Amino acid sequence: MPRYLSMIRIDENNAPAEGPSEALMQRMGELIEEMTKAGVLLDTAGLGPTAQGTRVRWEGGQLSVTDGPFTESKEVIGGYSILQAKDMAEAVEWTKRFLKVHEEYWTVTCEVREIQEP
């Protein structure tokens, strides 16, 4: 069965400063439990803020290292999930359910892509 990576993109500048509400975390926990029991969710995690990150870039034969925050970024990867689903449509349906647990003031985008097996 194919695996999919859902990259959770957020706008750090417009996300609630206090982070996710307790109610959101509860709804997310319930959905994660359901997805795990269904055998769909293989792994998931949130990521720390870009202020605590580092970018390593290869360009023109040279490496560069830049410490966060990355001011030129509007949307950043705020988390991820790895899903195992029968097809892209099923992975997208689970991703829609994940997005719907958020309150309306959140702006969250998920990019779902199939993981290429060797």
PDB file of N, CA and C in Angstrom:
ATOM      1  N   MET A   1       0.854  -1.169   0.000  1.00  0.00           N
ATOM      2  CA  MET A   1       0.000   0.000   0.000  1.00  0.00           C
ATOM      3  C   MET A   1       0.907   1.241   0.000  1.00  0.00           C
ATOM      4  N   PRO A   2       0.615   2.224  -0.832  1.00  0.00           N
ATOM      5  CA  PRO A   2       1.482   3.401  -0.915  1.00  0.00           C
ATOM      6  C   PRO A   2       1.458   4.251   0.361  1.00  0.00           C
ATOM      7  N   ARG A   3       2.555   4.971   0.537  1.00  0.00           N
ATOM      8  CA  ARG A   3       2.668   5.903   1.661  1.00  0.00           C
ATOM      9  C   ARG A   3       2.670   7.328   1.118  1.00  0.00           C
ATOM     10  N   TYR A   4       2.180   8.253   1.945  1.00  0.00           N
ATOM     11  CA  TYR A   4       2.058   9.655   1.547  1.00  0.00           C
ATOM     12  C   TYR A   4       2.599  10.535   2.667  1.00  0.00           C
ATOM     13  N   LEU A   5       3.246  11.618   2.265  1.00  0.00           N
ATOM     14  CA  LEU A   5       3.714  12.624   3.201  1.00  0.00           C
ATOM     15  C   LEU A   5       2.783  13.816   3.099  1.00  0.00           C
ATOM     16  N   SER A   6       2.212  14.209   4.215  1.00  0.00           N
ATOM     17  CA  SER A   6       1.389  15.410   4.276  1.00  0.00           C
ATOM     18  C   SER A   6       2.203  16.457   5.016  1.00  0.00           C
ATOM     19  N   MET A   7       2.650  17.480   4.283  1.00  0.00           N
ATOM     20  CA  MET A   7       3.427  18.569   4.885  1.00  0.00           C
ATOM     21  C   MET A   7       2.451  19.660   5.305  1.00  0.00           C
ATOM     22  N   ILE A   8       2.478  19.988   6.562  1.00  0.00           N
ATOM     23  CA  ILE A   8       1.532  20.941   7.137  1.00  0.00           C
ATOM     24  C   ILE A   8       2.176  22.322   7.121  1.00  0.00           C
ATOM     25  N   ARG A   9       1.629  23.199   6.293  1.00  0.00           N
ATOM     26  CA  ARG A   9       2.189  24.542   6.147  1.00  0.00           C
ATOM     27  C   ARG A   9       1.350  25.534   6.940  1.00  0.00           C
ATOM     28  N   ILE A  10       2.048  26.392   7.677  1.00  0.00           N
ATOM     29  CA  ILE A  10       1.372  27.445   8.439  1.00  0.00           C
ATOM     30  C   ILE A  10       2.076  28.770   8.171  1.00  0.00           C
ATOM     31  N   ASP A  11       1.383  29.854   8.434  1.00  0.00           N
ATOM     32  CA  ASP A  11       1.980  31.184   8.388  1.00  0.00           C
ATOM     33  C   ASP A  11       2.338  31.529   9.824  1.00  0.00           C
ATOM     34  N   GLU A  12       3.613  31.454  10.158  1.00  0.00           N
ATOM     35  CA  GLU A  12       4.045  31.698  11.543  1.00  0.00           C
ATOM     36  C   GLU A  12       3.656  33.087  12.030  1.00  0.00           C
ATOM     37  N   ASN A  13       3.570  34.043  11.113  1.00  0.00           N
ATOM     38  CA  ASN A  13       3.245  35.415  11.511  1.00  0.00           C
ATOM     39  C   ASN A  13       1.783  35.579  11.913  1.00  0.00           C
ATOM     40  N   ASN A  14       0.908  34.684  11.442  1.00  0.00           N
ATOM     41  CA  ASN A  14      -0.518  34.802  11.740  1.00  0.00           C
ATOM     42  C   ASN A  14      -1.045  33.681  12.630  1.00  0.00           C
ATOM     43  N   ALA A  15      -0.177  32.787  13.052  1.00  0.00           N
ATOM     44  CA  ALA A  15      -0.611  31.709  13.950  1.00  0.00           C
ATOM     45  C   ALA A  15      -0.794  32.283  15.351  1.00  0.00           C
ATOM     46  N   PRO A  16      -1.721  31.749  16.131  1.00  0.00           N
ATOM     47  CA  PRO A  16      -1.927  32.245  17.489  1.00  0.00           C
ATOM     48  C   PRO A  16      -0.636  32.153  18.303  1.00  0.00           C
ATOM     49  N   ALA A  17      -0.269  33.230  18.955  1.00  0.00           N
ATOM     50  CA  ALA A  17       0.977  33.287  19.728  1.00  0.00           C
ATOM     51  C   ALA A  17       1.009  32.219  20.822  1.00  0.00           C
ATOM     52  N   GLU A  18      -0.158  31.915  21.367  1.00  0.00           N
ATOM     53  CA  GLU A  18      -0.228  30.918  22.442  1.00  0.00           C
ATOM     54  C   GLU A  18      -0.228  29.489  21.913  1.00  0.00           C
ATOM     55  N   GLY A  19      -0.243  29.334  20.589  1.00  0.00           N
ATOM     56  CA  GLY A  19      -0.240  28.001  19.994  1.00  0.00           C
ATOM     57  C   GLY A  19      -1.632  27.414  19.933  1.00  0.00           C
ATOM     58  N   PRO A  20      -1.718  26.125  19.673  1.00  0.00           N
ATOM     59  CA  PRO A  20      -3.021  25.461  19.563  1.00  0.00           C
ATOM     60  C   PRO A  20      -3.783  25.478  20.882  1.00  0.00           C
ATOM     61  N   SER A  21      -5.093  25.623  20.785  1.00  0.00           N
ATOM     62  CA  SER A  21      -5.939  25.601  21.983  1.00  0.00           C
ATOM     63  C   SER A  21      -6.018  24.180  22.544  1.00  0.00           C
ATOM     64  N   GLU A  22      -6.437  24.084  23.801  1.00  0.00           N
ATOM     65  CA  GLU A  22      -6.628  22.761  24.402  1.00  0.00           C
ATOM     66  C   GLU A  22      -7.678  21.963  23.642  1.00  0.00           C
ATOM     67  N   ALA A  23      -8.738  22.648  23.196  1.00  0.00           N
ATOM     68  CA  ALA A  23      -9.803  21.966  22.453  1.00  0.00           C
ATOM     69  C   ALA A  23      -9.263  21.419  21.127  1.00  0.00           C
ATOM     70  N   LEU A  24      -8.427  22.198  20.454  1.00  0.00           N
ATOM     71  CA  LEU A  24      -7.827  21.729  19.199  1.00  0.00           C
ATOM     72  C   LEU A  24      -6.942  20.519  19.464  1.00  0.00           C
ATOM     73  N   MET A  25      -6.138  20.581  20.500  1.00  0.00           N
ATOM     74  CA  MET A  25      -5.254  19.460  20.810  1.00  0.00           C
ATOM     75  C   MET A  25      -6.059  18.201  21.142  1.00  0.00           C
ATOM     76  N   GLN A  26      -7.199  18.366  21.797  1.00  0.00           N
ATOM     77  CA  GLN A  26      -8.041  17.217  22.113  1.00  0.00           C
ATOM     78  C   GLN A  26      -8.628  16.619  20.832  1.00  0.00           C
ATOM     79  N   ARG A  27      -9.170  17.490  19.967  1.00  0.00           N
ATOM     80  CA  ARG A  27      -9.736  17.000  18.698  1.00  0.00           C
ATOM     81  C   ARG A  27      -8.658  16.323  17.852  1.00  0.00           C
ATOM     82  N   MET A  28      -7.473  16.920  17.833  1.00  0.00           N
ATOM     83  CA  MET A  28      -6.380  16.351  17.053  1.00  0.00           C
ATOM     84  C   MET A  28      -5.981  14.988  17.626  1.00  0.00           C
ATOM     85  N   GLY A  29      -5.921  14.898  18.944  1.00  0.00           N
ATOM     86  CA  GLY A  29      -5.585  13.631  19.588  1.00  0.00           C
ATOM     87  C   GLY A  29      -6.588  12.535  19.263  1.00  0.00           C
ATOM     88  N   GLU A  30      -7.868  12.890  19.245  1.00  0.00           N
ATOM     89  CA  GLU A  30      -8.915  11.916  18.911  1.00  0.00           C
ATOM     90  C   GLU A  30      -8.774  11.450  17.464  1.00  0.00           C
ATOM     91  N   LEU A  31      -8.501  12.378  16.551  1.00  0.00           N
ATOM     92  CA  LEU A  31      -8.331  12.005  15.149  1.00  0.00           C
ATOM     93  C   LEU A  31      -7.076  11.151  14.968  1.00  0.00           C
ATOM     94  N   ILE A  32      -5.993  11.518  15.627  1.00  0.00           N
ATOM     95  CA  ILE A  32      -4.758  10.734  15.539  1.00  0.00           C
ATOM     96  C   ILE A  32      -4.997   9.311  16.034  1.00  0.00           C
ATOM     97  N   GLU A  33      -5.738   9.176  17.124  1.00  0.00           N
ATOM     98  CA  GLU A  33      -6.061   7.841  17.646  1.00  0.00           C
ATOM     99  C   GLU A  33      -6.878   7.044  16.628  1.00  0.00           C
ATOM    100  N   GLU A  34      -7.875   7.689  16.029  1.00  0.00           N
ATOM    101  CA  GLU A  34      -8.705   7.015  15.026  1.00  0.00           C
ATOM    102  C   GLU A  34      -7.859   6.583  13.825  1.00  0.00           C
ATOM    103  N   MET A  35      -6.994   7.472  13.352  1.00  0.00           N
ATOM    104  CA  MET A  35      -6.155   7.156  12.192  1.00  0.00           C
ATOM    105  C   MET A  35      -5.156   6.042  12.509  1.00  0.00           C
ATOM    106  N   THR A  36      -4.638   6.038  13.734  1.00  0.00           N
ATOM    107  CA  THR A  36      -3.697   4.994  14.133  1.00  0.00           C
ATOM    108  C   THR A  36      -4.397   3.643  14.189  1.00  0.00           C
ATOM    109  N   LYS A  37      -5.591   3.610  14.790  1.00  0.00           N
ATOM    110  CA  LYS A  37      -6.358   2.364  14.866  1.00  0.00           C
ATOM    111  C   LYS A  37      -6.741   1.844  13.486  1.00  0.00           C
ATOM    112  N   ALA A  38      -6.983   2.762  12.538  1.00  0.00           N
ATOM    113  CA  ALA A  38      -7.340   2.374  11.175  1.00  0.00           C
ATOM    114  C   ALA A  38      -6.124   1.923  10.371  1.00  0.00           C
ATOM    115  N   GLY A  39      -4.928   2.081  10.939  1.00  0.00           N
ATOM    116  CA  GLY A  39      -3.713   1.671  10.250  1.00  0.00           C
ATOM    117  C   GLY A  39      -3.259   2.643   9.174  1.00  0.00           C
ATOM    118  N   VAL A  40      -3.808   3.858   9.190  1.00  0.00           N
ATOM    119  CA  VAL A  40      -3.493   4.863   8.171  1.00  0.00           C
ATOM    120  C   VAL A  40      -2.313   5.728   8.594  1.00  0.00           C
ATOM    121  N   LEU A  41      -2.253   6.102   9.864  1.00  0.00           N
ATOM    122  CA  LEU A  41      -1.224   7.020  10.342  1.00  0.00           C
ATOM    123  C   LEU A  41       0.009   6.243  10.787  1.00  0.00           C
ATOM    124  N   LEU A  42       1.132   6.484  10.107  1.00  0.00           N
ATOM    125  CA  LEU A  42       2.383   5.822  10.453  1.00  0.00           C
ATOM    126  C   LEU A  42       3.244   6.681  11.370  1.00  0.00           C
ATOM    127  N   ASP A  43       3.187   8.014  11.187  1.00  0.00           N
ATOM    128  CA  ASP A  43       3.978   8.922  12.012  1.00  0.00           C
ATOM    129  C   ASP A  43       3.436  10.335  11.836  1.00  0.00           C
ATOM    130  N   THR A  44       3.570  11.144  12.871  1.00  0.00           N
ATOM    131  CA  THR A  44       3.183  12.549  12.785  1.00  0.00           C
ATOM    132  C   THR A  44       3.908  13.326  13.871  1.00  0.00           C
ATOM    133  N   ALA A  45       4.163  14.609  13.607  1.00  0.00           N
ATOM    134  CA  ALA A  45       4.789  15.467  14.609  1.00  0.00           C
ATOM    135  C   ALA A  45       4.682  16.914  14.164  1.00  0.00           C
ATOM    136  N   GLY A  46       4.678  17.795  15.139  1.00  0.00           N
ATOM    137  CA  GLY A  46       4.803  19.214  14.867  1.00  0.00           C
ATOM    138  C   GLY A  46       6.284  19.563  14.856  1.00  0.00           C
ATOM    139  N   LEU A  47       6.619  20.679  14.256  1.00  0.00           N
ATOM    140  CA  LEU A  47       8.004  21.126  14.199  1.00  0.00           C
ATOM    141  C   LEU A  47       8.171  22.412  14.991  1.00  0.00           C
ATOM    142  N   GLY A  48       9.365  22.620  15.515  1.00  0.00           N
ATOM    143  CA  GLY A  48       9.663  23.839  16.253  1.00  0.00           C
ATOM    144  C   GLY A  48       9.629  25.047  15.332  1.00  0.00           C
ATOM    145  N   PRO A  49       9.600  26.251  15.885  1.00  0.00           N
ATOM    146  CA  PRO A  49       9.550  27.463  15.063  1.00  0.00           C
ATOM    147  C   PRO A  49      10.823  27.652  14.253  1.00  0.00           C
ATOM    148  N   THR A  50      10.702  28.380  13.140  1.00  0.00           N
ATOM    149  CA  THR A  50      11.862  28.613  12.278  1.00  0.00           C
ATOM    150  C   THR A  50      12.957  29.386  13.004  1.00  0.00           C
ATOM    151  N   ALA A  51      12.601  30.150  14.036  1.00  0.00           N
ATOM    152  CA  ALA A  51      13.613  30.883  14.799  1.00  0.00           C
ATOM    153  C   ALA A  51      14.635  29.932  15.414  1.00  0.00           C
ATOM    154  N   GLN A  52      14.239  28.682  15.611  1.00  0.00           N
ATOM    155  CA  GLN A  52      15.135  27.688  16.192  1.00  0.00           C
ATOM    156  C   GLN A  52      15.719  26.743  15.145  1.00  0.00           C
ATOM    157  N   GLY A  53      15.464  27.039  13.863  1.00  0.00           N
ATOM    158  CA  GLY A  53      15.924  26.171  12.789  1.00  0.00           C
ATOM    159  C   GLY A  53      17.167  26.690  12.095  1.00  0.00           C
ATOM    160  N   THR A  54      17.720  25.864  11.242  1.00  0.00           N
ATOM    161  CA  THR A  54      18.885  26.213  10.432  1.00  0.00           C
ATOM    162  C   THR A  54      18.659  25.682   9.026  1.00  0.00           C
ATOM    163  N   ARG A  55      18.979  26.487   8.035  1.00  0.00           N
ATOM    164  CA  ARG A  55      18.905  26.061   6.637  1.00  0.00           C
ATOM    165  C   ARG A  55      20.308  25.818   6.118  1.00  0.00           C
ATOM    166  N   VAL A  56      20.475  24.704   5.435  1.00  0.00           N
ATOM    167  CA  VAL A  56      21.733  24.388   4.775  1.00  0.00           C
ATOM    168  C   VAL A  56      21.434  24.334   3.286  1.00  0.00           C
ATOM    169  N   ARG A  57      22.172  25.134   2.504  1.00  0.00           N
ATOM    170  CA  ARG A  57      21.878  25.272   1.075  1.00  0.00           C
ATOM    171  C   ARG A  57      23.121  24.941   0.254  1.00  0.00           C
ATOM    172  N   TRP A  58      22.891  24.248  -0.851  1.00  0.00           N
ATOM    173  CA  TRP A  58      23.931  23.930  -1.824  1.00  0.00           C
ATOM    174  C   TRP A  58      23.596  24.680  -3.100  1.00  0.00           C
ATOM    175  N   GLU A  59      24.469  25.578  -3.519  1.00  0.00           N
ATOM    176  CA  GLU A  59      24.232  26.360  -4.733  1.00  0.00           C
ATOM    177  C   GLU A  59      25.570  26.725  -5.355  1.00  0.00           C
ATOM    178  N   GLY A  60      25.686  26.484  -6.658  1.00  0.00           N
ATOM    179  CA  GLY A  60      26.902  26.848  -7.372  1.00  0.00           C
ATOM    180  C   GLY A  60      28.157  26.204  -6.809  1.00  0.00           C
ATOM    181  N   GLY A  61      28.011  25.001  -6.292  1.00  0.00           N
ATOM    182  CA  GLY A  61      29.163  24.299  -5.747  1.00  0.00           C
ATOM    183  C   GLY A  61      29.584  24.767  -4.363  1.00  0.00           C
ATOM    184  N   GLN A  62      28.758  25.594  -3.717  1.00  0.00           N
ATOM    185  CA  GLN A  62      29.093  26.126  -2.398  1.00  0.00           C
ATOM    186  C   GLN A  62      27.986  25.812  -1.395  1.00  0.00           C
ATOM    187  N   LEU A  63      28.384  25.543  -0.171  1.00  0.00           N
ATOM    188  CA  LEU A  63      27.435  25.359   0.923  1.00  0.00           C
ATOM    189  C   LEU A  63      27.291  26.661   1.695  1.00  0.00           C
ATOM    190  N   SER A  64      26.072  26.939   2.111  1.00  0.00           N
ATOM    191  CA  SER A  64      25.849  28.059   3.019  1.00  0.00           C
ATOM    192  C   SER A  64      24.921  27.578   4.136  1.00  0.00           C
ATOM    193  N   VAL A  65      25.101  28.146   5.316  1.00  0.00           N
ATOM    194  CA  VAL A  65      24.307  27.793   6.488  1.00  0.00           C
ATOM    195  C   VAL A  65      23.710  29.081   7.038  1.00  0.00           C
ATOM    196  N   THR A  66      22.384  29.089   7.209  1.00  0.00           N
ATOM    197  CA  THR A  66      21.672  30.262   7.709  1.00  0.00           C
ATOM    198  C   THR A  66      20.833  29.858   8.906  1.00  0.00           C
ATOM    199  N   ASP A  67      21.011  30.557  10.016  1.00  0.00           N
ATOM    200  CA  ASP A  67      20.196  30.307  11.206  1.00  0.00           C
ATOM    201  C   ASP A  67      18.887  31.074  11.097  1.00  0.00           C
ATOM    202  N   GLY A  68      17.804  30.495  11.643  1.00  0.00           N
ATOM    203  CA  GLY A  68      16.506  31.143  11.647  1.00  0.00           C
ATOM    204  C   GLY A  68      16.474  32.295  12.624  1.00  0.00           C
ATOM    205  N   PRO A  69      15.445  33.105  12.593  1.00  0.00           N
ATOM    206  CA  PRO A  69      14.241  32.944  11.757  1.00  0.00           C
ATOM    207  C   PRO A  69      14.515  33.366  10.319  1.00  0.00           C
ATOM    208  N   PHE A  70      13.674  32.873   9.437  1.00  0.00           N
ATOM    209  CA  PHE A  70      13.830  33.119   8.010  1.00  0.00           C
ATOM    210  C   PHE A  70      12.782  34.135   7.597  1.00  0.00           C
ATOM    211  N   THR A  71      13.142  35.383   7.566  1.00  0.00           N
ATOM    212  CA  THR A  71      12.186  36.470   7.346  1.00  0.00           C
ATOM    213  C   THR A  71      11.550  36.438   5.967  1.00  0.00           C
ATOM    214  N   GLU A  72      12.226  35.847   4.985  1.00  0.00           N
ATOM    215  CA  GLU A  72      11.652  35.817   3.638  1.00  0.00           C
ATOM    216  C   GLU A  72      10.554  34.767   3.485  1.00  0.00           C
ATOM    217  N   SER A  73      10.350  33.927   4.498  1.00  0.00           N
ATOM    218  CA  SER A  73       9.351  32.861   4.421  1.00  0.00           C
ATOM    219  C   SER A  73       8.007  33.358   4.924  1.00  0.00           C
ATOM    220  N   LYS A  74       6.987  33.167   4.109  1.00  0.00           N
ATOM    221  CA  LYS A  74       5.635  33.455   4.566  1.00  0.00           C
ATOM    222  C   LYS A  74       5.039  32.187   5.167  1.00  0.00           C
ATOM    223  N   GLU A  75       5.016  31.122   4.386  1.00  0.00           N
ATOM    224  CA  GLU A  75       4.537  29.845   4.894  1.00  0.00           C
ATOM    225  C   GLU A  75       5.729  28.955   5.209  1.00  0.00           C
ATOM    226  N   VAL A  76       5.620  28.225   6.316  1.00  0.00           N
ATOM    227  CA  VAL A  76       6.677  27.299   6.704  1.00  0.00           C
ATOM    228  C   VAL A  76       6.058  25.943   7.021  1.00  0.00           C
ATOM    229  N   ILE A  77       6.871  24.910   6.984  1.00  0.00           N
ATOM    230  CA  ILE A  77       6.396  23.581   7.368  1.00  0.00           C
ATOM    231  C   ILE A  77       6.302  23.566   8.889  1.00  0.00           C
ATOM    232  N   GLY A  78       5.087  23.424   9.397  1.00  0.00           N
ATOM    233  CA  GLY A  78       4.853  23.426  10.836  1.00  0.00           C
ATOM    234  C   GLY A  78       4.757  22.027  11.414  1.00  0.00           C
ATOM    235  N   GLY A  79       4.648  21.037  10.536  1.00  0.00           N
ATOM    236  CA  GLY A  79       4.539  19.654  10.983  1.00  0.00           C
ATOM    237  C   GLY A  79       4.375  18.748   9.787  1.00  0.00           C
ATOM    238  N   TYR A  80       4.205  17.484  10.060  1.00  0.00           N
ATOM    239  CA  TYR A  80       4.054  16.510   8.978  1.00  0.00           C
ATOM    240  C   TYR A  80       3.280  15.306   9.487  1.00  0.00           C
ATOM    241  N   SER A  81       2.796  14.522   8.561  1.00  0.00           N
ATOM    242  CA  SER A  81       2.285  13.198   8.888  1.00  0.00           C
ATOM    243  C   SER A  81       2.625  12.270   7.728  1.00  0.00           C
ATOM    244  N   ILE A  82       2.867  11.020   8.067  1.00  0.00           N
ATOM    245  CA  ILE A  82       3.098   9.999   7.055  1.00  0.00           C
ATOM    246  C   ILE A  82       1.909   9.054   7.129  1.00  0.00           C
ATOM    247  N   LEU A  83       1.216   8.952   6.003  1.00  0.00           N
ATOM    248  CA  LEU A  83       0.005   8.146   5.914  1.00  0.00           C
ATOM    249  C   LEU A  83       0.240   6.952   5.004  1.00  0.00           C
ATOM    250  N   GLN A  84      -0.443   5.870   5.303  1.00  0.00           N
ATOM    251  CA  GLN A  84      -0.463   4.712   4.412  1.00  0.00           C
ATOM    252  C   GLN A  84      -1.910   4.542   3.988  1.00  0.00           C
ATOM    253  N   ALA A  85      -2.168   4.752   2.707  1.00  0.00           N
ATOM    254  CA  ALA A  85      -3.543   4.742   2.211  1.00  0.00           C
ATOM    255  C   ALA A  85      -3.601   3.970   0.900  1.00  0.00           C
ATOM    256  N   LYS A  86      -4.819   3.569   0.523  1.00  0.00           N
ATOM    257  CA  LYS A  86      -4.943   2.793  -0.716  1.00  0.00           C
ATOM    258  C   LYS A  86      -4.623   3.620  -1.947  1.00  0.00           C
ATOM    259  N   ASP A  87      -4.856   4.955  -1.855  1.00  0.00           N
ATOM    260  CA  ASP A  87      -4.558   5.833  -2.988  1.00  0.00           C
ATOM    261  C   ASP A  87      -4.523   7.280  -2.517  1.00  0.00           C
ATOM    262  N   MET A  88      -4.194   8.174  -3.440  1.00  0.00           N
ATOM    263  CA  MET A  88      -4.098   9.603  -3.119  1.00  0.00           C
ATOM    264  C   MET A  88      -5.428  10.139  -2.604  1.00  0.00           C
ATOM    265  N   ALA A  89      -6.529   9.696  -3.181  1.00  0.00           N
ATOM    266  CA  ALA A  89      -7.846  10.196  -2.763  1.00  0.00           C
ATOM    267  C   ALA A  89      -8.089   9.914  -1.283  1.00  0.00           C
ATOM    268  N   GLU A  90      -7.746   8.725  -0.823  1.00  0.00           N
ATOM    269  CA  GLU A  90      -7.940   8.401   0.588  1.00  0.00           C
ATOM    270  C   GLU A  90      -7.013   9.250   1.468  1.00  0.00           C
ATOM    271  N   ALA A  91      -5.759   9.438   1.050  1.00  0.00           N
ATOM    272  CA  ALA A  91      -4.824  10.265   1.813  1.00  0.00           C
ATOM    273  C   ALA A  91      -5.340  11.702   1.916  1.00  0.00           C
ATOM    274  N   VAL A  92      -5.903  12.207   0.840  1.00  0.00           N
ATOM    275  CA  VAL A  92      -6.446  13.568   0.840  1.00  0.00           C
ATOM    276  C   VAL A  92      -7.663  13.659   1.764  1.00  0.00           C
ATOM    277  N   GLU A  93      -8.513  12.652   1.784  1.00  0.00           N
ATOM    278  CA  GLU A  93      -9.687  12.671   2.668  1.00  0.00           C
ATOM    279  C   GLU A  93      -9.273  12.728   4.132  1.00  0.00           C
ATOM    280  N   TRP A  94      -8.266  11.940   4.519  1.00  0.00           N
ATOM    281  CA  TRP A  94      -7.784  11.994   5.895  1.00  0.00           C
ATOM    282  C   TRP A  94      -7.182  13.362   6.192  1.00  0.00           C
ATOM    283  N   THR A  95      -6.483  13.935   5.221  1.00  0.00           N
ATOM    284  CA  THR A  95      -5.876  15.254   5.400  1.00  0.00           C
ATOM    285  C   THR A  95      -6.957  16.320   5.581  1.00  0.00           C
ATOM    286  N   LYS A  96      -8.036  16.228   4.833  1.00  0.00           N
ATOM    287  CA  LYS A  96      -9.159  17.164   5.001  1.00  0.00           C
ATOM    288  C   LYS A  96      -9.715  17.081   6.421  1.00  0.00           C
ATOM    289  N   ARG A  97      -9.842  15.874   6.932  1.00  0.00           N
ATOM    290  CA  ARG A  97     -10.349  15.705   8.298  1.00  0.00           C
ATOM    291  C   ARG A  97      -9.412  16.353   9.301  1.00  0.00           C
ATOM    292  N   PHE A  98      -8.100  16.236   9.065  1.00  0.00           N
ATOM    293  CA  PHE A  98      -7.127  16.881   9.943  1.00  0.00           C
ATOM    294  C   PHE A  98      -7.314  18.395   9.919  1.00  0.00           C
ATOM    295  N   LEU A  99      -7.467  18.974   8.740  1.00  0.00           N
ATOM    296  CA  LEU A  99      -7.625  20.423   8.634  1.00  0.00           C
ATOM    297  C   LEU A  99      -8.894  20.904   9.329  1.00  0.00           C
ATOM    298  N   LYS A 100      -9.953  20.121   9.251  1.00  0.00           N
ATOM    299  CA  LYS A 100     -11.234  20.531   9.826  1.00  0.00           C
ATOM    300  C   LYS A 100     -11.257  20.542  11.351  1.00  0.00           C
ATOM    301  N   VAL A 101     -10.270  19.954  12.028  1.00  0.00           N
ATOM    302  CA  VAL A 101     -10.260  20.012  13.496  1.00  0.00           C
ATOM    303  C   VAL A 101      -9.784  21.381  13.988  1.00  0.00           C
ATOM    304  N   HIS A 102      -9.194  22.189  13.092  1.00  0.00           N
ATOM    305  CA  HIS A 102      -8.698  23.519  13.471  1.00  0.00           C
ATOM    306  C   HIS A 102      -9.837  24.534  13.558  1.00  0.00           C
ATOM    307  N   GLU A 103      -9.668  25.488  14.464  1.00  0.00           N
ATOM    308  CA  GLU A 103     -10.630  26.587  14.551  1.00  0.00           C
ATOM    309  C   GLU A 103     -10.529  27.433  13.289  1.00  0.00           C
ATOM    310  N   GLU A 104     -11.589  28.219  13.016  1.00  0.00           N
ATOM    311  CA  GLU A 104     -11.657  28.976  11.761  1.00  0.00           C
ATOM    312  C   GLU A 104     -10.604  30.069  11.645  1.00  0.00           C
ATOM    313  N   TYR A 105     -10.016  30.512  12.741  1.00  0.00           N
ATOM    314  CA  TYR A 105      -9.010  31.574  12.653  1.00  0.00           C
ATOM    315  C   TYR A 105      -7.634  31.052  12.218  1.00  0.00           C
ATOM    316  N   TRP A 106      -7.451  29.738  12.134  1.00  0.00           N
ATOM    317  CA  TRP A 106      -6.198  29.171  11.646  1.00  0.00           C
ATOM    318  C   TRP A 106      -6.164  29.227  10.120  1.00  0.00           C
ATOM    319  N   THR A 107      -4.989  29.423   9.573  1.00  0.00           N
ATOM    320  CA  THR A 107      -4.758  29.248   8.137  1.00  0.00           C
ATOM    321  C   THR A 107      -3.711  28.155   8.013  1.00  0.00           C
ATOM    322  N   VAL A 108      -4.141  27.001   7.533  1.00  0.00           N
ATOM    323  CA  VAL A 108      -3.273  25.825   7.435  1.00  0.00           C
ATOM    324  C   VAL A 108      -3.445  25.238   6.038  1.00  0.00           C
ATOM    325  N   THR A 109      -2.343  24.897   5.419  1.00  0.00           N
ATOM    326  CA  THR A 109      -2.353  24.246   4.108  1.00  0.00           C
ATOM    327  C   THR A 109      -1.562  22.958   4.237  1.00  0.00           C
ATOM    328  N   CYS A 110      -2.088  21.881   3.698  1.00  0.00           N
ATOM    329  CA  CYS A 110      -1.351  20.620   3.670  1.00  0.00           C
ATOM    330  C   CYS A 110      -1.048  20.253   2.223  1.00  0.00           C
ATOM    331  N   GLU A 111       0.186  19.931   1.983  1.00  0.00           N
ATOM    332  CA  GLU A 111       0.587  19.421   0.673  1.00  0.00           C
ATOM    333  C   GLU A 111       0.789  17.925   0.820  1.00  0.00           C
ATOM    334  N   VAL A 112       0.044  17.140   0.051  1.00  0.00           N
ATOM    335  CA  VAL A 112       0.107  15.681   0.148  1.00  0.00           C
ATOM    336  C   VAL A 112       0.847  15.156  -1.082  1.00  0.00           C
ATOM    337  N   ARG A 113       1.887  14.367  -0.835  1.00  0.00           N
ATOM    338  CA  ARG A 113       2.663  13.815  -1.932  1.00  0.00           C
ATOM    339  C   ARG A 113       2.989  12.356  -1.654  1.00  0.00           C
ATOM    340  N   GLU A 114       2.947  11.539  -2.695  1.00  0.00           N
ATOM    341  CA  GLU A 114       3.271  10.134  -2.542  1.00  0.00           C
ATOM    342  C   GLU A 114       4.775   9.971  -2.309  1.00  0.00           C
ATOM    343  N   ILE A 115       5.117   9.112  -1.377  1.00  0.00           N
ATOM    344  CA  ILE A 115       6.521   8.813  -1.109  1.00  0.00           C
ATOM    345  C   ILE A 115       6.974   7.794  -2.153  1.00  0.00           C
ATOM    346  N   GLN A 116       8.024   8.130  -2.859  1.00  0.00           N
ATOM    347  CA  GLN A 116       8.554   7.247  -3.902  1.00  0.00           C
ATOM    348  C   GLN A 116       9.362   6.132  -3.266  1.00  0.00           C
ATOM    349  N   GLU A 117       8.947   4.918  -3.522  1.00  0.00           N
ATOM    350  CA  GLU A 117       9.640   3.755  -2.962  1.00  0.00           C
ATOM    351  C   GLU A 117      10.833   3.413  -3.863  1.00  0.00           C
ATOM    352  N   PRO A 118      11.935   2.951  -3.243  1.00  0.00           N
ATOM    353  CA  PRO A 118      13.134   2.604  -4.043  1.00  0.00           C
ATOM    354  C   PRO A 118      12.901   1.415  -4.936  1.00  0.00           C
TER     355      PRO A 118
END
